[in-house]
Amino acid sequence: MTAAHDLNLRHLRLLLGIAQAGSLSHAARASGVSQPALSQALAKLEAALGVALFDRTASGVSPTAAGRRIVRRVEHALTRISRAFRRSSATPQKGDPHNYVTTAHVRGLINLAEAGSFMRAAECAGVSVPALHRAVRDLEQLSGTALVERRGRGVGLTRAGATLAQGFNLAHAELTTALEESSGKGGRLAIGAMALSRSLLLPATLADLLRDHPAARVDVVEGSYLELVELLRSGRIDMLIGALRDHPGRELLQEPLFTDRLTIIGRAEHPLATREAGFEDLAAYPWIVARRASGLLDRWQQMFDHADKPRPDAPIQCGSVALIRGVLVRSDFLTLLSPDQVSAEIESGSLVTIQSCVPDTMRTIGAITRRDWYPTALQEQFMAVLRHHATVGRTQPGD
């Protein structure tokens, strides 16, 4: 199957020219190529994509249904590249340097960003190390700024390099989606799942979705908000399910799904299980809390800070609900968690909510996407099923 890196960016630019002109002859003149060369480029794209992109008539050409979707994807991809060039350049650029970017440039910088060394990146890209060096030098000349810097024994991207690589990743994601849509197969989803969404909401959604779309393929990436939001920004995942943030960033769009409750959880035999606990009682026992830089940890800290009480000892920081459950049932540890995440243990009687002077904390659970996201039919269906379960289930998770 054709991969996004196999597509010729020059041919994709010509594709947009054809769509805009509505005529092969007009597009050839506007692009400065011969009509036979343009026709050959179009034929290669149609062969790679496996679909007819245009209907030919006596008056010109018009996109097919598949062609319209692909043209839109290609337009998004090339816009990502041009926008990344503008953002990464320290000085105003002359001409349109993004029009000289090739697939080798895109693949080289993406692999270098991931590998951290020219040798490993060249292996991943399937090119020689000198060829990768040339690709990076070309990009530095086009952007007018340094993209790579030495870091110990390896290399890393400068801020400009990271900006350009992110744009390349988003472009690559759009082209990959174009190929998947044109294949007519089940399609793919890449979902970032914070801890709570893995308990009930996401499993119920995926079970229903795959019942109707058995050929679909789903990649669920687990992690914290900080880990997953960077994957979202770079196009590695399509959406992020979890607790919404107060300041998500202008490039992100948040859709609330439901309100979740956080409360104190402990084992059924915990000394505080049979009475209302005060701050001194809560501080007398060890806590297991969320990892650093997480919304859940912030709420735990605020629970004591707002009451002007010292925070209890929290010897364990952990993002795994399975591990948290295992510690709670075996010890007098306490935690702040959604009851939905431990609903099975609460129903079985091994864990309970601890009544205390601290009011439960409410938080909004939802879906986070890129503001300029252009979802596929499968992704739209996933969001519809997700909204349904968030509305009717309401024993759902969050993070």
Protein backbone atom coordinates (compact mmCIF):
# COMPACT_ATOMS: atom_id res chain seq x y z
CA MET A 1 0.00 0.00 0.00
CA THR A 2 1.18 3.52 -0.80
CA ALA A 3 2.45 5.47 2.23
CA ALA A 4 2.27 9.23 2.72
CA HIS A 5 6.06 9.47 2.27
CA ASP A 6 5.68 7.89 -1.18
CA LEU A 7 3.57 10.77 -2.48
CA ASN A 8 5.31 13.43 -4.54
CA LEU A 9 4.69 16.89 -3.07
CA ARG A 10 5.23 18.56 -6.44
CA HIS A 11 2.49 16.37 -7.91
CA LEU A 12 0.21 17.30 -5.01
CA ARG A 13 0.76 21.00 -5.71
CA LEU A 14 -0.14 20.39 -9.34
CA LEU A 15 -3.27 18.58 -8.14
CA LEU A 16 -4.45 21.72 -6.37
CA GLY A 17 -3.71 23.73 -9.51
CA ILE A 18 -5.92 21.45 -11.56
CA ALA A 19 -8.74 21.66 -9.03
CA GLN A 20 -8.53 25.45 -8.96
CA ALA A 21 -8.29 25.89 -12.75
CA GLY A 22 -10.90 23.29 -13.71
CA SER A 23 -8.87 22.55 -16.81
CA LEU A 24 -5.68 20.63 -17.50
CA SER A 25 -4.52 23.11 -20.12
CA HIS A 26 -5.16 26.13 -17.87
CA ALA A 27 -3.48 24.42 -14.93
CA ALA A 28 -0.46 23.50 -17.08
CA ARG A 29 0.02 27.10 -18.16
CA ALA A 30 -0.40 28.44 -14.62
CA SER A 31 2.08 25.87 -13.26
CA GLY A 32 4.65 26.36 -16.01
CA VAL A 33 4.65 22.72 -17.11
CA SER A 34 3.54 21.02 -20.29
CA GLN A 35 0.10 19.48 -20.42
CA PRO A 36 1.53 15.96 -21.05
CA ALA A 37 3.73 16.35 -17.94
CA LEU A 38 0.73 17.49 -15.92
CA SER A 39 -1.38 14.58 -17.18
CA GLN A 40 1.41 12.16 -16.29
CA ALA A 41 1.67 13.61 -12.75
CA LEU A 42 -2.09 13.27 -12.31
CA ALA A 43 -2.01 9.68 -13.56
CA LYS A 44 0.70 8.80 -11.06
CA LEU A 45 -1.30 10.32 -8.21
CA GLU A 46 -4.45 8.45 -9.23
CA ALA A 47 -2.47 5.21 -9.38
CA ALA A 48 -0.95 5.83 -5.95
CA LEU A 49 -4.30 6.74 -4.40
CA GLY A 50 -6.23 4.06 -6.23
CA VAL A 51 -9.10 6.36 -7.24
CA ALA A 52 -10.07 8.64 -10.08
CA LEU A 53 -9.64 12.23 -8.92
CA PHE A 54 -11.37 14.06 -11.77
CA ASP A 55 -14.16 13.52 -14.25
CA ARG A 56 -13.07 14.62 -17.75
CA THR A 57 -15.57 16.52 -19.88
CA ALA A 58 -15.38 18.57 -23.06
CA SER A 59 -15.40 21.78 -20.99
CA GLY A 60 -12.66 20.71 -18.58
CA VAL A 61 -12.34 18.61 -15.44
CA SER A 62 -14.23 18.49 -12.15
CA PRO A 63 -13.30 16.57 -8.98
CA THR A 64 -15.00 13.27 -8.29
CA ALA A 65 -16.51 12.70 -4.84
CA ALA A 66 -13.26 11.02 -3.75
CA GLY A 67 -11.30 13.74 -5.51
CA ARG A 68 -13.00 16.51 -3.52
CA ARG A 69 -12.10 14.84 -0.23
CA ILE A 70 -8.51 14.27 -1.30
CA VAL A 71 -8.08 17.79 -2.67
CA ARG A 72 -9.25 19.14 0.66
CA ARG A 73 -6.80 16.91 2.54
CA VAL A 74 -3.95 17.92 0.26
CA GLU A 75 -4.84 21.58 0.67
CA HIS A 76 -4.76 21.16 4.46
CA ALA A 77 -1.42 19.34 4.28
CA LEU A 78 0.30 21.94 2.11
CA THR A 79 -1.14 24.73 4.26
CA ARG A 80 0.40 23.06 7.30
CA ILE A 81 3.81 23.15 5.62
CA SER A 82 3.58 26.76 4.50
CA ARG A 83 2.29 27.89 7.91
CA ALA A 84 5.12 26.04 9.66
CA PHE A 85 7.65 27.85 7.47
CA ARG A 86 6.17 31.22 8.41
CA ARG A 87 6.22 30.38 12.11
CA SER A 88 9.73 28.94 12.13
CA SER A 89 11.41 31.75 10.19
CA ALA A 90 13.03 34.52 12.22
CA THR A 91 12.83 36.98 9.31
CA PRO A 92 10.24 37.63 6.61
CA GLN A 93 10.65 35.12 3.80
CA LYS A 94 11.08 36.02 0.16
CA GLY A 95 9.02 34.11 -2.35
CA ASP A 96 7.39 30.83 -1.34
CA PRO A 97 10.15 28.59 0.07
CA HIS A 98 7.59 25.98 1.15
CA ASN A 99 6.94 25.23 -2.52
CA TYR A 100 10.44 23.74 -2.77
CA VAL A 101 9.91 21.25 0.08
CA THR A 102 10.11 17.62 -1.01
CA THR A 103 9.01 14.38 0.55
CA ALA A 104 12.67 13.68 1.44
CA HIS A 105 12.79 16.93 3.42
CA VAL A 106 9.61 16.08 5.32
CA ARG A 107 10.61 12.51 6.08
CA GLY A 108 14.14 13.51 7.10
CA LEU A 109 13.14 16.18 9.61
CA ILE A 110 10.36 14.07 11.14
CA ASN A 111 12.72 11.15 11.67
CA LEU A 112 15.48 13.38 13.03
CA ALA A 113 13.04 14.88 15.55
CA GLU A 114 12.12 11.39 16.77
CA ALA A 115 15.55 9.72 16.64
CA GLY A 116 17.81 12.40 18.11
CA SER A 117 20.75 11.47 15.89
CA PHE A 118 21.51 11.60 12.18
CA MET A 119 22.55 7.95 12.09
CA ARG A 120 19.38 6.58 13.69
CA ALA A 121 17.19 8.99 11.72
CA ALA A 122 18.81 7.94 8.45
CA GLU A 123 18.16 4.28 9.28
CA CYS A 124 14.50 5.01 10.03
CA ALA A 125 14.10 7.06 6.86
CA GLY A 126 15.88 4.48 4.73
CA VAL A 127 18.45 6.97 3.41
CA SER A 128 22.18 7.55 3.84
CA VAL A 129 23.49 9.86 6.55
CA PRO A 130 24.95 12.31 3.96
CA ALA A 131 21.57 12.43 2.21
CA LEU A 132 19.86 13.28 5.49
CA HIS A 133 22.45 16.00 6.20
CA ARG A 134 21.75 17.47 2.76
CA ALA A 135 18.00 17.43 3.37
CA VAL A 136 18.40 19.31 6.66
CA ARG A 137 20.80 21.84 5.10
CA ASP A 138 18.30 22.42 2.30
CA LEU A 139 15.57 23.11 4.83
CA GLU A 140 17.79 25.49 6.77
CA GLN A 141 18.48 27.43 3.59
CA LEU A 142 14.79 27.52 2.71
CA SER A 143 13.74 28.62 6.19
CA GLY A 144 16.69 30.96 6.72
CA THR A 145 17.36 29.69 10.24
CA ALA A 146 19.15 26.90 12.13
CA LEU A 147 16.97 23.84 12.67
CA VAL A 148 19.37 21.50 14.48
CA GLU A 149 21.68 21.94 17.47
CA ARG A 150 24.17 19.67 19.16
CA ARG A 151 23.02 18.14 22.47
CA GLY A 152 25.60 15.98 24.20
CA ARG A 153 26.32 13.02 21.98
CA GLY A 154 23.23 13.54 19.89
CA VAL A 155 21.34 16.35 18.24
CA GLY A 156 18.04 18.06 18.87
CA LEU A 157 15.85 20.48 17.03
CA THR A 158 15.96 24.18 17.76
CA ARG A 159 12.67 25.92 18.50
CA ALA A 160 12.38 26.74 14.80
CA GLY A 161 13.18 23.14 13.91
CA ALA A 162 10.54 21.82 16.31
CA THR A 163 7.96 24.20 14.84
CA LEU A 164 8.78 23.05 11.32
CA ALA A 165 8.74 19.37 12.33
CA GLN A 166 5.33 19.77 13.95
CA GLY A 167 3.96 21.27 10.74
CA PHE A 168 5.48 18.41 8.76
CA ASN A 169 3.89 15.88 11.14
CA LEU A 170 0.48 17.47 10.70
CA ALA A 171 0.90 17.47 6.92
CA HIS A 172 1.97 13.83 7.01
CA ALA A 173 -1.11 12.98 9.11
CA GLU A 174 -3.41 14.66 6.58
CA LEU A 175 -1.84 12.78 3.66
CA THR A 176 -2.02 9.49 5.55
CA THR A 177 -5.71 10.12 6.15
CA ALA A 178 -6.20 10.91 2.46
CA LEU A 179 -4.69 7.54 1.56
CA GLU A 180 -6.85 5.71 4.09
CA GLU A 181 -10.03 7.41 2.88
CA SER A 182 -9.24 6.62 -0.74
CA SER A 183 -8.56 2.95 0.08
CA GLY A 184 -12.24 2.37 0.91
CA LYS A 185 -11.28 0.22 3.91
CA GLY A 186 -12.48 0.58 7.48
CA GLY A 187 -10.35 3.57 8.40
CA ARG A 188 -8.25 4.29 11.46
CA LEU A 189 -8.60 6.14 14.74
CA ALA A 190 -5.85 7.30 17.07
CA ILE A 191 -7.24 8.25 20.47
CA GLY A 192 -5.44 9.72 23.46
CA ALA A 193 -6.99 8.38 26.66
CA MET A 194 -6.37 9.87 30.06
CA ALA A 195 -6.89 7.64 33.06
CA LEU A 196 -10.62 7.99 33.69
CA SER A 197 -11.73 7.65 30.08
CA ARG A 198 -10.33 4.11 30.03
CA SER A 199 -12.79 2.86 32.66
CA LEU A 200 -16.25 3.09 31.12
CA LEU A 201 -16.79 5.79 28.51
CA LEU A 202 -14.14 4.79 25.99
CA PRO A 203 -14.71 1.00 26.23
CA ALA A 204 -18.47 1.46 25.71
CA THR A 205 -17.90 3.82 22.79
CA LEU A 206 -15.39 1.57 21.02
CA ALA A 207 -17.51 -1.54 21.51
CA ASP A 208 -20.47 0.11 19.79
CA LEU A 209 -18.37 1.73 17.07
CA LEU A 210 -16.59 -1.48 16.08
CA ARG A 211 -19.84 -3.39 16.08
CA ASP A 212 -20.94 -1.15 13.20
CA HIS A 213 -17.47 -0.75 11.66
CA PRO A 214 -15.68 -4.10 12.16
CA ALA A 215 -12.98 -3.25 9.60
CA ALA A 216 -11.88 -0.11 11.48
CA ARG A 217 -8.57 -0.09 13.32
CA VAL A 218 -8.14 1.84 16.56
CA ASP A 219 -4.93 2.87 18.32
CA VAL A 220 -5.51 3.95 21.93
CA VAL A 221 -2.57 5.82 23.45
CA GLU A 222 -2.59 6.10 27.24
CA GLY A 223 -0.84 8.83 29.17
CA SER A 224 -1.06 12.09 31.07
CA TYR A 225 -2.48 15.29 29.61
CA LEU A 226 0.97 16.80 29.02
CA GLU A 227 2.15 13.69 27.18
CA LEU A 228 -0.97 13.31 25.05
CA VAL A 229 -1.58 16.94 24.16
CA GLU A 230 1.77 17.11 22.37
CA LEU A 231 0.80 14.05 20.34
CA LEU A 232 -2.47 15.79 19.50
CA ARG A 233 -0.74 18.99 18.43
CA SER A 234 1.60 17.06 16.14
CA GLY A 235 -1.16 14.99 14.55
CA ARG A 236 -0.06 11.68 16.07
CA ILE A 237 -3.49 11.25 17.66
CA ASP A 238 -6.86 12.49 16.41
CA MET A 239 -8.50 13.44 19.70
CA LEU A 240 -7.90 13.42 23.43
CA ILE A 241 -10.53 12.22 25.93
CA GLY A 242 -10.29 13.40 29.52
CA ALA A 243 -10.58 16.36 31.84
CA LEU A 244 -10.86 19.70 30.10
CA ARG A 245 -8.36 22.43 30.93
CA ASP A 246 -8.96 26.08 31.83
CA HIS A 247 -6.43 27.32 29.27
CA PRO A 248 -5.98 24.67 26.56
CA GLY A 249 -4.27 26.83 23.94
CA ARG A 250 -5.80 28.69 21.02
CA GLU A 251 -5.09 25.88 18.55
CA LEU A 252 -7.17 23.38 20.56
CA LEU A 253 -10.95 22.97 20.73
CA GLN A 254 -12.62 21.51 23.83
CA GLU A 255 -16.07 19.90 23.79
CA PRO A 256 -17.63 19.25 27.23
CA LEU A 257 -19.32 15.86 27.59
CA PHE A 258 -20.32 15.62 31.25
CA THR A 259 -19.39 16.65 34.78
CA ASP A 260 -17.43 14.22 36.92
CA ARG A 261 -17.10 14.02 40.69
CA LEU A 262 -13.84 13.48 42.55
CA THR A 263 -14.00 12.14 46.08
CA ILE A 264 -11.75 10.51 48.68
CA ILE A 265 -11.42 6.73 48.33
CA GLY A 266 -10.06 4.15 50.78
CA ARG A 267 -10.45 0.48 51.64
CA ALA A 268 -13.62 -0.74 53.35
CA GLU A 269 -11.70 -1.54 56.54
CA HIS A 270 -10.00 1.85 56.67
CA PRO A 271 -10.12 3.50 60.12
CA LEU A 272 -11.90 6.51 58.55
CA ALA A 273 -14.51 4.43 56.73
CA THR A 274 -17.11 4.63 59.51
CA ARG A 275 -16.99 8.34 60.41
CA GLU A 276 -16.61 11.80 58.94
CA ALA A 277 -12.96 12.74 58.70
CA GLY A 278 -11.51 16.17 59.41
CA PHE A 279 -8.32 17.59 57.93
CA GLU A 280 -6.25 16.23 60.81
CA ASP A 281 -7.70 12.76 60.22
CA LEU A 282 -6.91 12.94 56.50
CA ALA A 283 -3.37 14.09 57.22
CA ALA A 284 -2.76 11.14 59.55
CA TYR A 285 -2.69 8.64 56.68
CA PRO A 286 -0.47 8.32 53.59
CA TRP A 287 -1.82 9.25 50.17
CA ILE A 288 -1.32 8.02 46.66
CA VAL A 289 -1.71 10.91 44.24
CA ALA A 290 -1.58 11.61 40.51
CA ARG A 291 1.68 12.31 38.73
CA ARG A 292 3.25 15.74 38.51
CA ALA A 293 1.73 18.43 36.30
CA SER A 294 -1.69 16.77 36.18
CA GLY A 295 -5.09 18.31 36.80
CA LEU A 296 -5.90 15.64 39.36
CA LEU A 297 -2.78 16.44 41.40
CA ASP A 298 -3.64 20.15 41.24
CA ARG A 299 -7.07 19.46 42.70
CA TRP A 300 -5.63 17.33 45.51
CA GLN A 301 -3.21 20.09 46.42
CA GLN A 302 -5.93 22.75 46.27
CA MET A 303 -8.10 20.67 48.57
CA PHE A 304 -5.68 21.39 51.43
CA ASP A 305 -4.22 24.71 50.25
CA HIS A 306 -7.63 26.41 50.05
CA ALA A 307 -8.36 25.35 53.62
CA ASP A 308 -4.91 26.62 54.67
CA LYS A 309 -4.02 23.12 55.90
CA PRO A 310 -0.69 21.34 55.38
CA ARG A 311 -0.70 18.71 52.67
CA PRO A 312 -0.51 15.10 53.91
CA ASP A 313 2.41 12.86 53.12
CA ALA A 314 2.06 11.38 49.62
CA PRO A 315 4.84 8.84 49.14
CA ILE A 316 3.38 7.44 45.90
CA GLN A 317 2.73 9.40 42.70
CA CYS A 318 1.12 7.24 40.07
CA GLY A 319 -0.97 7.47 36.91
CA SER A 320 -2.08 3.82 36.85
CA VAL A 321 -5.57 3.24 38.26
CA ALA A 322 -4.89 -0.50 38.49
CA LEU A 323 -1.88 0.16 40.73
CA ILE A 324 -3.82 2.70 42.80
CA ARG A 325 -6.61 0.18 43.38
CA GLY A 326 -4.08 -2.47 44.34
CA VAL A 327 -2.43 -0.22 46.93
CA LEU A 328 -5.72 0.98 48.40
CA VAL A 329 -7.21 -2.46 49.06
CA ARG A 330 -3.99 -3.60 50.81
CA SER A 331 -3.26 -0.60 53.02
CA ASP A 332 -4.57 2.49 54.78
CA PHE A 333 -3.56 4.73 51.88
CA LEU A 334 -6.11 7.28 50.67
CA THR A 335 -6.55 8.83 47.25
CA LEU A 336 -8.64 11.41 45.40
CA LEU A 337 -10.41 9.72 42.51
CA SER A 338 -13.63 9.48 40.57
CA PRO A 339 -15.88 6.72 41.96
CA ASP A 340 -16.46 5.65 38.35
CA GLN A 341 -12.85 4.53 38.10
CA VAL A 342 -13.25 2.08 40.97
CA SER A 343 -16.95 1.28 40.54
CA ALA A 344 -16.35 -2.49 40.50
CA GLU A 345 -14.42 -2.36 43.80
CA ILE A 346 -17.05 -0.11 45.40
CA GLU A 347 -19.84 -2.45 44.27
CA SER A 348 -17.93 -5.47 45.62
CA GLY A 349 -17.36 -3.70 48.95
CA SER A 350 -13.56 -3.69 48.87
CA LEU A 351 -13.31 0.10 48.48
CA VAL A 352 -15.54 2.89 49.83
CA THR A 353 -15.87 6.65 49.60
CA ILE A 354 -14.53 8.34 52.71
CA GLN A 355 -16.90 10.93 54.18
CA SER A 356 -15.06 14.07 55.20
CA CYS A 357 -15.26 17.81 55.80
CA VAL A 358 -13.84 18.32 52.29
CA PRO A 359 -16.52 18.84 49.61
CA ASP A 360 -16.33 16.70 46.48
CA THR A 361 -14.51 18.31 43.57
CA MET A 362 -16.34 18.65 40.26
CA ARG A 363 -14.58 18.70 36.90
CA THR A 364 -15.67 18.74 33.29
CA ILE A 365 -14.88 15.75 31.09
CA GLY A 366 -14.78 16.09 27.35
CA ALA A 367 -13.03 15.67 24.04
CA ILE A 368 -10.12 17.82 22.92
CA THR A 369 -9.29 18.18 19.23
CA ARG A 370 -7.27 20.52 17.05
CA ARG A 371 -9.34 23.57 16.14
CA ASP A 372 -8.68 23.09 12.41
CA TRP A 373 -9.28 19.33 12.53
CA TYR A 374 -11.03 17.89 9.48
CA PRO A 375 -12.51 14.56 10.68
CA THR A 376 -13.11 11.53 8.51
CA ALA A 377 -16.49 9.80 8.40
CA LEU A 378 -15.23 7.22 10.91
CA GLN A 379 -13.96 9.92 13.26
CA GLU A 380 -17.28 11.75 13.05
CA GLN A 381 -19.09 8.52 13.87
CA PHE A 382 -16.80 7.94 16.85
CA MET A 383 -17.60 11.41 18.20
CA ALA A 384 -21.33 10.79 17.75
CA VAL A 385 -21.17 7.50 19.68
CA LEU A 386 -18.97 9.12 22.34
CA ARG A 387 -21.54 11.92 22.87
CA HIS A 388 -24.33 9.34 23.09
CA HIS A 389 -22.63 7.34 25.84
CA ALA A 390 -21.63 10.50 27.71
CA THR A 391 -25.27 11.61 27.71
CA VAL A 392 -27.14 8.40 28.47
CA GLY A 393 -24.60 6.46 30.51
CA ARG A 394 -23.63 8.95 33.16
CA THR A 395 -21.67 6.48 35.14
CA GLN A 396 -18.83 7.55 32.92
CA PRO A 397 -15.18 8.37 33.32
CA GLY A 398 -12.98 11.31 32.87
CA ASP A 399 -9.49 12.39 33.78
